[in-house]
Amino acid sequence: MQSTSAYIITIITAFIFLILSAIIANAIKFEGGSNPKDPQSRKTWFWILAILNPILAFLLGYFIFKPDANIMVVNNYVSALSMGTAIGFVLYILLGFILSKVFANGKIGHWF
């Protein structure tokens, strides 16, 4: 049961960071001219949040949701949390890629 909560924490964190990345991308205004810098700033923010996503997910799961139990339960939880953090990172990248291709003509399309 504890390992399931580790996966849930990382998946929810990935979705929250993806939504936050979409909000930031839509908040950055289009720039005119021959050499606009707004697509690069959207891409930069997407990758900054991609790096912060697994860090925050692991720290949140480890320091706030870690069970108070014997060492074997804690070790299983930390193992599941580590695997869940990797899954959350891949999920963030995969969903971000899909969204950037679906909204290719919009602001989110600049992520990749």
PDB file of N, CA and C in Angstrom:
ATOM      1  N   MET A   1       0.822  -1.199   0.000  1.00  0.00           N
ATOM      2  CA  MET A   1       0.000   0.000   0.000  1.00  0.00           C
ATOM      3  C   MET A   1       0.862   1.256   0.000  1.00  0.00           C
ATOM      4  N   GLN A   2       1.962   1.229   0.758  1.00  0.00           N
ATOM      5  CA  GLN A   2       2.809   2.412   0.834  1.00  0.00           C
ATOM      6  C   GLN A   2       3.483   2.703  -0.496  1.00  0.00           C
ATOM      7  N   SER A   3       3.850   1.650  -1.230  1.00  0.00           N
ATOM      8  CA  SER A   3       4.512   1.882  -2.510  1.00  0.00           C
ATOM      9  C   SER A   3       3.546   2.489  -3.530  1.00  0.00           C
ATOM     10  N   THR A   4       2.258   2.171  -3.416  1.00  0.00           N
ATOM     11  CA  THR A   4       1.265   2.766  -4.302  1.00  0.00           C
ATOM     12  C   THR A   4       1.192   4.267  -4.089  1.00  0.00           C
ATOM     13  N   SER A   5       1.279   4.699  -2.851  1.00  0.00           N
ATOM     14  CA  SER A   5       1.240   6.139  -2.588  1.00  0.00           C
ATOM     15  C   SER A   5       2.461   6.841  -3.153  1.00  0.00           C
ATOM     16  N   ALA A   6       3.592   6.158  -3.210  1.00  0.00           N
ATOM     17  CA  ALA A   6       4.791   6.758  -3.806  1.00  0.00           C
ATOM     18  C   ALA A   6       4.583   7.012  -5.288  1.00  0.00           C
ATOM     19  N   TYR A   7       3.959   6.044  -5.976  1.00  0.00           N
ATOM     20  CA  TYR A   7       3.681   6.231  -7.402  1.00  0.00           C
ATOM     21  C   TYR A   7       2.659   7.342  -7.619  1.00  0.00           C
ATOM     22  N   ILE A   8       1.658   7.390  -6.790  1.00  0.00           N
ATOM     23  CA  ILE A   8       0.624   8.411  -6.920  1.00  0.00           C
ATOM     24  C   ILE A   8       1.207   9.803  -6.714  1.00  0.00           C
ATOM     25  N   ILE A   9       2.085   9.950  -5.740  1.00  0.00           N
ATOM     26  CA  ILE A   9       2.721  11.244  -5.471  1.00  0.00           C
ATOM     27  C   ILE A   9       3.502  11.724  -6.685  1.00  0.00           C
ATOM     28  N   THR A  10       4.288  10.832  -7.283  1.00  0.00           N
ATOM     29  CA  THR A  10       5.114  11.258  -8.416  1.00  0.00           C
ATOM     30  C   THR A  10       4.286  11.548  -9.662  1.00  0.00           C
ATOM     31  N   ILE A  11       3.231  10.798  -9.882  1.00  0.00           N
ATOM     32  CA  ILE A  11       2.383  11.038 -11.048  1.00  0.00           C
ATOM     33  C   ILE A  11       1.615  12.349 -10.894  1.00  0.00           C
ATOM     34  N   ILE A  12       1.091  12.602  -9.710  1.00  0.00           N
ATOM     35  CA  ILE A  12       0.386  13.865  -9.470  1.00  0.00           C
ATOM     36  C   ILE A  12       1.342  15.045  -9.609  1.00  0.00           C
ATOM     37  N   THR A  13       2.554  14.895  -9.103  1.00  0.00           N
ATOM     38  CA  THR A  13       3.546  15.964  -9.235  1.00  0.00           C
ATOM     39  C   THR A  13       3.880  16.234 -10.700  1.00  0.00           C
ATOM     40  N   ALA A  14       3.990  15.173 -11.499  1.00  0.00           N
ATOM     41  CA  ALA A  14       4.273  15.346 -12.930  1.00  0.00           C
ATOM     42  C   ALA A  14       3.146  16.108 -13.612  1.00  0.00           C
ATOM     43  N   PHE A  15       1.893  15.766 -13.290  1.00  0.00           N
ATOM     44  CA  PHE A  15       0.760  16.479 -13.891  1.00  0.00           C
ATOM     45  C   PHE A  15       0.720  17.934 -13.446  1.00  0.00           C
ATOM     46  N   ILE A  16       1.006  18.198 -12.186  1.00  0.00           N
ATOM     47  CA  ILE A  16       1.009  19.575 -11.689  1.00  0.00           C
ATOM     48  C   ILE A  16       2.093  20.395 -12.396  1.00  0.00           C
ATOM     49  N   PHE A  17       3.275  19.815 -12.556  1.00  0.00           N
ATOM     50  CA  PHE A  17       4.342  20.531 -13.238  1.00  0.00           C
ATOM     51  C   PHE A  17       4.030  20.731 -14.715  1.00  0.00           C
ATOM     52  N   LEU A  18       3.344  19.783 -15.328  1.00  0.00           N
ATOM     53  CA  LEU A  18       2.949  19.935 -16.726  1.00  0.00           C
ATOM     54  C   LEU A  18       1.925  21.055 -16.882  1.00  0.00           C
ATOM     55  N   ILE A  19       0.979  21.117 -15.977  1.00  0.00           N
ATOM     56  CA  ILE A  19      -0.004  22.206 -16.000  1.00  0.00           C
ATOM     57  C   ILE A  19       0.680  23.544 -15.753  1.00  0.00           C
ATOM     58  N   LEU A  20       1.605  23.574 -14.808  1.00  0.00           N
ATOM     59  CA  LEU A  20       2.351  24.799 -14.524  1.00  0.00           C
ATOM     60  C   LEU A  20       3.161  25.237 -15.738  1.00  0.00           C
ATOM     61  N   SER A  21       3.753  24.287 -16.428  1.00  0.00           N
ATOM     62  CA  SER A  21       4.513  24.598 -17.630  1.00  0.00           C
ATOM     63  C   SER A  21       3.610  25.158 -18.726  1.00  0.00           C
ATOM     64  N   ALA A  22       2.414  24.611 -18.857  1.00  0.00           N
ATOM     65  CA  ALA A  22       1.458  25.127 -19.850  1.00  0.00           C
ATOM     66  C   ALA A  22       1.004  26.539 -19.491  1.00  0.00           C
ATOM     67  N   ILE A  23       0.785  26.797 -18.222  1.00  0.00           N
ATOM     68  CA  ILE A  23       0.382  28.138 -17.779  1.00  0.00           C
ATOM     69  C   ILE A  23       1.491  29.148 -18.070  1.00  0.00           C
ATOM     70  N   ILE A  24       2.739  28.764 -17.773  1.00  0.00           N
ATOM     71  CA  ILE A  24       3.861  29.669 -18.037  1.00  0.00           C
ATOM     72  C   ILE A  24       4.017  29.904 -19.537  1.00  0.00           C
ATOM     73  N   ALA A  25       3.868  28.841 -20.344  1.00  0.00           N
ATOM     74  CA  ALA A  25       3.999  28.992 -21.800  1.00  0.00           C
ATOM     75  C   ALA A  25       2.939  29.928 -22.348  1.00  0.00           C
ATOM     76  N   ASN A  26       1.731  29.837 -21.840  1.00  0.00           N
ATOM     77  CA  ASN A  26       0.669  30.724 -22.316  1.00  0.00           C
ATOM     78  C   ASN A  26       0.801  32.135 -21.775  1.00  0.00           C
ATOM     79  N   ALA A  27       1.506  32.308 -20.660  1.00  0.00           N
ATOM     80  CA  ALA A  27       1.685  33.639 -20.087  1.00  0.00           C
ATOM     81  C   ALA A  27       2.765  34.439 -20.826  1.00  0.00           C
ATOM     82  N   ILE A  28       3.682  33.759 -21.491  1.00  0.00           N
ATOM     83  CA  ILE A  28       4.741  34.448 -22.234  1.00  0.00           C
ATOM     84  C   ILE A  28       4.154  34.964 -23.545  1.00  0.00           C
ATOM     85  N   LYS A  29       4.272  36.248 -23.743  1.00  0.00           N
ATOM     86  CA  LYS A  29       3.661  36.881 -24.911  1.00  0.00           C
ATOM     87  C   LYS A  29       4.471  36.605 -26.176  1.00  0.00           C
ATOM     88  N   PHE A  30       3.750  36.568 -27.305  1.00  0.00           N
ATOM     89  CA  PHE A  30       4.411  36.454 -28.601  1.00  0.00           C
ATOM     90  C   PHE A  30       5.204  37.719 -28.865  1.00  0.00           C
ATOM     91  N   GLU A  31       6.415  37.558 -29.389  1.00  0.00           N
ATOM     92  CA  GLU A  31       7.237  38.696 -29.768  1.00  0.00           C
ATOM     93  C   GLU A  31       7.228  38.818 -31.281  1.00  0.00           C
ATOM     94  N   GLY A  32       7.208  40.016 -31.748  1.00  0.00           N
ATOM     95  CA  GLY A  32       7.258  40.250 -33.183  1.00  0.00           C
ATOM     96  C   GLY A  32       8.692  40.377 -33.653  1.00  0.00           C
ATOM     97  N   GLY A  33       8.843  40.659 -34.907  1.00  0.00           N
ATOM     98  CA  GLY A  33      10.176  40.878 -35.448  1.00  0.00           C
ATOM     99  C   GLY A  33      10.736  39.653 -36.134  1.00  0.00           C
ATOM    100  N   SER A  34      11.962  39.803 -36.611  1.00  0.00           N
ATOM    101  CA  SER A  34      12.580  38.726 -37.375  1.00  0.00           C
ATOM    102  C   SER A  34      13.270  37.688 -36.492  1.00  0.00           C
ATOM    103  N   ASN A  35      13.580  38.026 -35.248  1.00  0.00           N
ATOM    104  CA  ASN A  35      14.290  37.106 -34.368  1.00  0.00           C
ATOM    105  C   ASN A  35      13.643  37.100 -32.976  1.00  0.00           C
ATOM    106  N   PRO A  36      12.415  36.557 -32.856  1.00  0.00           N
ATOM    107  CA  PRO A  36      11.762  36.582 -31.541  1.00  0.00           C
ATOM    108  C   PRO A  36      12.412  35.600 -30.567  1.00  0.00           C
ATOM    109  N   LYS A  37      12.400  35.964 -29.294  1.00  0.00           N
ATOM    110  CA  LYS A  37      13.010  35.133 -28.271  1.00  0.00           C
ATOM    111  C   LYS A  37      11.974  34.381 -27.435  1.00  0.00           C
ATOM    112  N   ASP A  38      10.693  34.563 -27.704  1.00  0.00           N
ATOM    113  CA  ASP A  38       9.678  33.917 -26.887  1.00  0.00           C
ATOM    114  C   ASP A  38       9.636  32.399 -27.044  1.00  0.00           C
ATOM    115  N   PRO A  39       9.882  31.802 -28.229  1.00  0.00           N
ATOM    116  CA  PRO A  39       9.876  30.332 -28.275  1.00  0.00           C
ATOM    117  C   PRO A  39      10.980  29.715 -27.415  1.00  0.00           C
ATOM    118  N   GLN A  40      12.137  30.359 -27.394  1.00  0.00           N
ATOM    119  CA  GLN A  40      13.242  29.830 -26.586  1.00  0.00           C
ATOM    120  C   GLN A  40      12.933  29.932 -25.101  1.00  0.00           C
ATOM    121  N   SER A  41      12.265  30.987 -24.662  1.00  0.00           N
ATOM    122  CA  SER A  41      11.941  31.107 -23.249  1.00  0.00           C
ATOM    123  C   SER A  41      10.881  30.080 -22.834  1.00  0.00           C
ATOM    124  N   ARG A  42       9.946  29.760 -23.715  1.00  0.00           N
ATOM    125  CA  ARG A  42       8.971  28.705 -23.407  1.00  0.00           C
ATOM    126  C   ARG A  42       9.659  27.355 -23.278  1.00  0.00           C
ATOM    127  N   LYS A  43      10.578  27.085 -24.198  1.00  0.00           N
ATOM    128  CA  LYS A  43      11.319  25.826 -24.143  1.00  0.00           C
ATOM    129  C   LYS A  43      12.185  25.757 -22.883  1.00  0.00           C
ATOM    130  N   THR A  44      12.811  26.856 -22.532  1.00  0.00           N
ATOM    131  CA  THR A  44      13.656  26.894 -21.340  1.00  0.00           C
ATOM    132  C   THR A  44      12.847  26.620 -20.086  1.00  0.00           C
ATOM    133  N   TRP A  45      11.677  27.238 -19.973  1.00  0.00           N
ATOM    134  CA  TRP A  45      10.847  27.011 -18.793  1.00  0.00           C
ATOM    135  C   TRP A  45      10.339  25.576 -18.733  1.00  0.00           C
ATOM    136  N   PHE A  46      10.024  24.991 -19.890  1.00  0.00           N
ATOM    137  CA  PHE A  46       9.594  23.595 -19.910  1.00  0.00           C
ATOM    138  C   PHE A  46      10.694  22.696 -19.348  1.00  0.00           C
ATOM    139  N   TRP A  47      11.936  22.917 -19.766  1.00  0.00           N
ATOM    140  CA  TRP A  47      13.027  22.055 -19.315  1.00  0.00           C
ATOM    141  C   TRP A  47      13.461  22.359 -17.886  1.00  0.00           C
ATOM    142  N   ILE A  48      13.321  23.593 -17.446  1.00  0.00           N
ATOM    143  CA  ILE A  48      13.594  23.898 -16.034  1.00  0.00           C
ATOM    144  C   ILE A  48      12.610  23.136 -15.140  1.00  0.00           C
ATOM    145  N   LEU A  49      11.337  23.171 -15.522  1.00  0.00           N
ATOM    146  CA  LEU A  49      10.344  22.434 -14.740  1.00  0.00           C
ATOM    147  C   LEU A  49      10.513  20.923 -14.884  1.00  0.00           C
ATOM    148  N   ALA A  50      11.046  20.470 -16.009  1.00  0.00           N
ATOM    149  CA  ALA A  50      11.336  19.043 -16.175  1.00  0.00           C
ATOM    150  C   ALA A  50      12.411  18.589 -15.198  1.00  0.00           C
ATOM    151  N   ILE A  51      13.364  19.443 -14.913  1.00  0.00           N
ATOM    152  CA  ILE A  51      14.419  19.112 -13.955  1.00  0.00           C
ATOM    153  C   ILE A  51      13.900  19.207 -12.523  1.00  0.00           C
ATOM    154  N   LEU A  52      13.078  20.207 -12.242  1.00  0.00           N
ATOM    155  CA  LEU A  52      12.549  20.376 -10.891  1.00  0.00           C
ATOM    156  C   LEU A  52      11.495  19.331 -10.530  1.00  0.00           C
ATOM    157  N   ASN A  53      10.812  18.782 -11.526  1.00  0.00           N
ATOM    158  CA  ASN A  53       9.754  17.803 -11.283  1.00  0.00           C
ATOM    159  C   ASN A  53      10.235  16.592 -10.477  1.00  0.00           C
ATOM    160  N   PRO A  54      11.263  15.851 -10.924  1.00  0.00           N
ATOM    161  CA  PRO A  54      11.658  14.687 -10.131  1.00  0.00           C
ATOM    162  C   PRO A  54      12.287  15.050  -8.790  1.00  0.00           C
ATOM    163  N   ILE A  55      12.955  16.185  -8.744  1.00  0.00           N
ATOM    164  CA  ILE A  55      13.573  16.600  -7.479  1.00  0.00           C
ATOM    165  C   ILE A  55      12.502  16.858  -6.429  1.00  0.00           C
ATOM    166  N   LEU A  56      11.501  17.649  -6.796  1.00  0.00           N
ATOM    167  CA  LEU A  56      10.439  17.969  -5.850  1.00  0.00           C
ATOM    168  C   LEU A  56       9.593  16.739  -5.511  1.00  0.00           C
ATOM    169  N   ALA A  57       9.341  15.897  -6.494  1.00  0.00           N
ATOM    170  CA  ALA A  57       8.537  14.689  -6.250  1.00  0.00           C
ATOM    171  C   ALA A  57       9.236  13.775  -5.258  1.00  0.00           C
ATOM    172  N   PHE A  58      10.537  13.580  -5.425  1.00  0.00           N
ATOM    173  CA  PHE A  58      11.264  12.711  -4.506  1.00  0.00           C
ATOM    174  C   PHE A  58      11.344  13.317  -3.111  1.00  0.00           C
ATOM    175  N   LEU A  59      11.674  14.598  -3.031  1.00  0.00           N
ATOM    176  CA  LEU A  59      11.777  15.240  -1.722  1.00  0.00           C
ATOM    177  C   LEU A  59      10.438  15.277  -1.001  1.00  0.00           C
ATOM    178  N   LEU A  60       9.379  15.541  -1.726  1.00  0.00           N
ATOM    179  CA  LEU A  60       8.042  15.550  -1.147  1.00  0.00           C
ATOM    180  C   LEU A  60       7.674  14.167  -0.618  1.00  0.00           C
ATOM    181  N   GLY A  61       7.905  13.147  -1.425  1.00  0.00           N
ATOM    182  CA  GLY A  61       7.596  11.782  -1.004  1.00  0.00           C
ATOM    183  C   GLY A  61       8.463  11.307   0.138  1.00  0.00           C
ATOM    184  N   TYR A  62       9.722  11.711   0.132  1.00  0.00           N
ATOM    185  CA  TYR A  62      10.644  11.217   1.158  1.00  0.00           C
ATOM    186  C   TYR A  62      10.445  11.917   2.496  1.00  0.00           C
ATOM    187  N   PHE A  63      10.334  13.224   2.491  1.00  0.00           N
ATOM    188  CA  PHE A  63      10.292  13.951   3.751  1.00  0.00           C
ATOM    189  C   PHE A  63       8.881  14.145   4.310  1.00  0.00           C
ATOM    190  N   ILE A  64       7.861  14.103   3.480  1.00  0.00           N
ATOM    191  CA  ILE A  64       6.512  14.362   3.982  1.00  0.00           C
ATOM    192  C   ILE A  64       5.681  13.090   4.073  1.00  0.00           C
ATOM    193  N   PHE A  65       5.785  12.216   3.079  1.00  0.00           N
ATOM    194  CA  PHE A  65       4.911  11.047   3.037  1.00  0.00           C
ATOM    195  C   PHE A  65       5.589   9.731   3.397  1.00  0.00           C
ATOM    196  N   LYS A  66       6.837   9.767   3.827  1.00  0.00           N
ATOM    197  CA  LYS A  66       7.537   8.536   4.189  1.00  0.00           C
ATOM    198  C   LYS A  66       6.874   7.910   5.407  1.00  0.00           C
ATOM    199  N   PRO A  67       6.605   6.604   5.352  1.00  0.00           N
ATOM    200  CA  PRO A  67       5.904   5.958   6.471  1.00  0.00           C
ATOM    201  C   PRO A  67       6.810   5.807   7.697  1.00  0.00           C
ATOM    202  N   ASP A  68       6.178   5.848   8.847  1.00  0.00           N
ATOM    203  CA  ASP A  68       6.878   5.564  10.097  1.00  0.00           C
ATOM    204  C   ASP A  68       6.677   4.085  10.407  1.00  0.00           C
ATOM    205  N   ALA A  69       7.597   3.287   9.958  1.00  0.00           N
ATOM    206  CA  ALA A  69       7.474   1.836  10.132  1.00  0.00           C
ATOM    207  C   ALA A  69       8.877   1.263  10.257  1.00  0.00           C
ATOM    208  N   ASN A  70       8.934  -0.070  10.204  1.00  0.00           N
ATOM    209  CA  ASN A  70      10.246  -0.697  10.314  1.00  0.00           C
ATOM    210  C   ASN A  70      11.066  -0.428   9.049  1.00  0.00           C
ATOM    211  N   ILE A  71      12.337  -0.752   9.112  1.00  0.00           N
ATOM    212  CA  ILE A  71      13.270  -0.391   8.051  1.00  0.00           C
ATOM    213  C   ILE A  71      12.938  -1.072   6.729  1.00  0.00           C
ATOM    214  N   MET A  72      12.361  -2.268   6.790  1.00  0.00           N
ATOM    215  CA  MET A  72      12.026  -2.976   5.569  1.00  0.00           C
ATOM    216  C   MET A  72      10.914  -2.262   4.790  1.00  0.00           C
ATOM    217  N   VAL A  73       9.913  -1.772   5.497  1.00  0.00           N
ATOM    218  CA  VAL A  73       8.826  -1.033   4.864  1.00  0.00           C
ATOM    219  C   VAL A  73       9.354   0.279   4.293  1.00  0.00           C
ATOM    220  N   VAL A  74      10.202   0.954   5.031  1.00  0.00           N
ATOM    221  CA  VAL A  74      10.769   2.221   4.561  1.00  0.00           C
ATOM    222  C   VAL A  74      11.642   1.986   3.331  1.00  0.00           C
ATOM    223  N   ASN A  75      12.438   0.933   3.331  1.00  0.00           N
ATOM    224  CA  ASN A  75      13.278   0.626   2.170  1.00  0.00           C
ATOM    225  C   ASN A  75      12.439   0.310   0.938  1.00  0.00           C
ATOM    226  N   ASN A  76      11.360  -0.436   1.112  1.00  0.00           N
ATOM    227  CA  ASN A  76      10.461  -0.720  -0.008  1.00  0.00           C
ATOM    228  C   ASN A  76       9.815   0.562  -0.526  1.00  0.00           C
ATOM    229  N   TYR A  77       9.437   1.440   0.390  1.00  0.00           N
ATOM    230  CA  TYR A  77       8.817   2.708   0.003  1.00  0.00           C
ATOM    231  C   TYR A  77       9.813   3.572  -0.771  1.00  0.00           C
ATOM    232  N   VAL A  78      11.037   3.682  -0.286  1.00  0.00           N
ATOM    233  CA  VAL A  78      12.045   4.514  -0.959  1.00  0.00           C
ATOM    234  C   VAL A  78      12.379   3.937  -2.329  1.00  0.00           C
ATOM    235  N   SER A  79      12.416   2.628  -2.425  1.00  0.00           N
ATOM    236  CA  SER A  79      12.647   1.992  -3.725  1.00  0.00           C
ATOM    237  C   SER A  79      11.510   2.312  -4.700  1.00  0.00           C
ATOM    238  N   ALA A  80      10.275   2.202  -4.232  1.00  0.00           N
ATOM    239  CA  ALA A  80       9.121   2.540  -5.077  1.00  0.00           C
ATOM    240  C   ALA A  80       9.103   4.028  -5.406  1.00  0.00           C
ATOM    241  N   LEU A  81       9.508   4.860  -4.464  1.00  0.00           N
ATOM    242  CA  LEU A  81       9.555   6.303  -4.706  1.00  0.00           C
ATOM    243  C   LEU A  81      10.600   6.645  -5.761  1.00  0.00           C
ATOM    244  N   SER A  82      11.736   5.972  -5.728  1.00  0.00           N
ATOM    245  CA  SER A  82      12.771   6.211  -6.735  1.00  0.00           C
ATOM    246  C   SER A  82      12.293   5.801  -8.120  1.00  0.00           C
ATOM    247  N   MET A  83      11.664   4.648  -8.205  1.00  0.00           N
ATOM    248  CA  MET A  83      11.148   4.195  -9.483  1.00  0.00           C
ATOM    249  C   MET A  83      10.000   5.100  -9.951  1.00  0.00           C
ATOM    250  N   GLY A  84       9.153   5.505  -9.034  1.00  0.00           N
ATOM    251  CA  GLY A  84       8.053   6.399  -9.366  1.00  0.00           C
ATOM    252  C   GLY A  84       8.536   7.757  -9.833  1.00  0.00           C
ATOM    253  N   THR A  85       9.636   8.234  -9.260  1.00  0.00           N
ATOM    254  CA  THR A  85      10.206   9.507  -9.684  1.00  0.00           C
ATOM    255  C   THR A  85      10.675   9.424 -11.130  1.00  0.00           C
ATOM    256  N   ALA A  86      11.305   8.332 -11.489  1.00  0.00           N
ATOM    257  CA  ALA A  86      11.731   8.136 -12.879  1.00  0.00           C
ATOM    258  C   ALA A  86      10.521   8.044 -13.805  1.00  0.00           C
ATOM    259  N   ILE A  87       9.491   7.340 -13.368  1.00  0.00           N
ATOM    260  CA  ILE A  87       8.272   7.220 -14.173  1.00  0.00           C
ATOM    261  C   ILE A  87       7.613   8.590 -14.338  1.00  0.00           C
ATOM    262  N   GLY A  88       7.577   9.382 -13.273  1.00  0.00           N
ATOM    263  CA  GLY A  88       7.004  10.724 -13.344  1.00  0.00           C
ATOM    264  C   GLY A  88       7.763  11.632 -14.297  1.00  0.00           C
ATOM    265  N   PHE A  89       9.081  11.508 -14.318  1.00  0.00           N
ATOM    266  CA  PHE A  89       9.898  12.306 -15.227  1.00  0.00           C
ATOM    267  C   PHE A  89       9.614  11.927 -16.677  1.00  0.00           C
ATOM    268  N   VAL A  90       9.581  10.622 -16.953  1.00  0.00           N
ATOM    269  CA  VAL A  90       9.296  10.151 -18.311  1.00  0.00           C
ATOM    270  C   VAL A  90       7.880  10.549 -18.720  1.00  0.00           C
ATOM    271  N   LEU A  91       6.936  10.465 -17.796  1.00  0.00           N
ATOM    272  CA  LEU A  91       5.562  10.858 -18.080  1.00  0.00           C
ATOM    273  C   LEU A  91       5.478  12.339 -18.424  1.00  0.00           C
ATOM    274  N   TYR A  92       6.200  13.177 -17.682  1.00  0.00           N
ATOM    275  CA  TYR A  92       6.227  14.614 -17.955  1.00  0.00           C
ATOM    276  C   TYR A  92       6.762  14.891 -19.361  1.00  0.00           C
ATOM    277  N   ILE A  93       7.868  14.251 -19.717  1.00  0.00           N
ATOM    278  CA  ILE A  93       8.470  14.458 -21.031  1.00  0.00           C
ATOM    279  C   ILE A  93       7.548  13.938 -22.130  1.00  0.00           C
ATOM    280  N   LEU A  94       6.992  12.741 -21.942  1.00  0.00           N
ATOM    281  CA  LEU A  94       6.131  12.137 -22.952  1.00  0.00           C
ATOM    282  C   LEU A  94       4.865  12.955 -23.180  1.00  0.00           C
ATOM    283  N   LEU A  95       4.196  13.334 -22.106  1.00  0.00           N
ATOM    284  CA  LEU A  95       2.984  14.141 -22.253  1.00  0.00           C
ATOM    285  C   LEU A  95       3.301  15.531 -22.811  1.00  0.00           C
ATOM    286  N   GLY A  96       4.437  16.093 -22.420  1.00  0.00           N
ATOM    287  CA  GLY A  96       4.852  17.377 -22.978  1.00  0.00           C
ATOM    288  C   GLY A  96       5.104  17.289 -24.469  1.00  0.00           C
ATOM    289  N   PHE A  97       5.717  16.194 -24.912  1.00  0.00           N
ATOM    290  CA  PHE A  97       5.949  15.996 -26.344  1.00  0.00           C
ATOM    291  C   PHE A  97       4.637  15.851 -27.096  1.00  0.00           C
ATOM    292  N   ILE A  98       3.724  15.064 -26.541  1.00  0.00           N
ATOM    293  CA  ILE A  98       2.420  14.877 -27.179  1.00  0.00           C
ATOM    294  C   ILE A  98       1.659  16.194 -27.254  1.00  0.00           C
ATOM    295  N   LEU A  99       1.649  16.944 -26.161  1.00  0.00           N
ATOM    296  CA  LEU A  99       0.950  18.229 -26.161  1.00  0.00           C
ATOM    297  C   LEU A  99       1.585  19.220 -27.136  1.00  0.00           C
ATOM    298  N   SER A 100       2.911  19.196 -27.239  1.00  0.00           N
ATOM    299  CA  SER A 100       3.557  20.128 -28.169  1.00  0.00           C
ATOM    300  C   SER A 100       3.254  19.776 -29.616  1.00  0.00           C
ATOM    301  N   LYS A 101       3.023  18.509 -29.899  1.00  0.00           N
ATOM    302  CA  LYS A 101       2.659  18.127 -31.267  1.00  0.00           C
ATOM    303  C   LYS A 101       1.181  18.381 -31.541  1.00  0.00           C
ATOM    304  N   VAL A 102       0.334  18.205 -30.536  1.00  0.00           N
ATOM    305  CA  VAL A 102      -1.098  18.472 -30.712  1.00  0.00           C
ATOM    306  C   VAL A 102      -1.334  19.970 -30.903  1.00  0.00           C
ATOM    307  N   PHE A 103      -0.659  20.790 -30.113  1.00  0.00           N
ATOM    308  CA  PHE A 103      -0.807  22.243 -30.202  1.00  0.00           C
ATOM    309  C   PHE A 103       0.408  22.850 -30.907  1.00  0.00           C
ATOM    310  N   ALA A 104       0.754  22.314 -32.052  1.00  0.00           N
ATOM    311  CA  ALA A 104       1.971  22.729 -32.766  1.00  0.00           C
ATOM    312  C   ALA A 104       1.934  24.189 -33.189  1.00  0.00           C
ATOM    313  N   ASN A 105       0.762  24.726 -33.453  1.00  0.00           N
ATOM    314  CA  ASN A 105       0.663  26.119 -33.896  1.00  0.00           C
ATOM    315  C   ASN A 105       0.456  27.089 -32.745  1.00  0.00           C
ATOM    316  N   GLY A 106       0.391  26.601 -31.525  1.00  0.00           N
ATOM    317  CA  GLY A 106       0.183  27.461 -30.368  1.00  0.00           C
ATOM    318  C   GLY A 106       1.461  27.666 -29.583  1.00  0.00           C
ATOM    319  N   LYS A 107       1.296  28.238 -28.424  1.00  0.00           N
ATOM    320  CA  LYS A 107       2.447  28.524 -27.574  1.00  0.00           C
ATOM    321  C   LYS A 107       3.059  27.256 -26.992  1.00  0.00           C
ATOM    322  N   ILE A 108       2.248  26.256 -26.723  1.00  0.00           N
ATOM    323  CA  ILE A 108       2.760  24.995 -26.180  1.00  0.00           C
ATOM    324  C   ILE A 108       3.589  24.257 -27.226  1.00  0.00           C
ATOM    325  N   GLY A 109       3.354  24.519 -28.478  1.00  0.00           N
ATOM    326  CA  GLY A 109       4.102  23.875 -29.535  1.00  0.00           C
ATOM    327  C   GLY A 109       5.575  24.217 -29.572  1.00  0.00           C
ATOM    328  N   HIS A 110       6.015  25.191 -28.802  1.00  0.00           N
ATOM    329  CA  HIS A 110       7.414  25.593 -28.761  1.00  0.00           C
ATOM    330  C   HIS A 110       8.235  24.813 -27.746  1.00  0.00           C
ATOM    331  N   TRP A 111       7.637  23.856 -27.054  1.00  0.00           N
ATOM    332  CA  TRP A 111       8.371  23.115 -26.019  1.00  0.00           C
ATOM    333  C   TRP A 111       9.491  22.271 -26.599  1.00  0.00           C
ATOM    334  N   PHE A 112       9.276  21.705 -27.788  1.00  0.00           N
ATOM    335  CA  PHE A 112      10.302  20.842 -28.387  1.00  0.00           C
ATOM    336  C   PHE A 112      10.769  21.412 -29.700  1.00  0.00           C
TER     337      PHE A 112
END
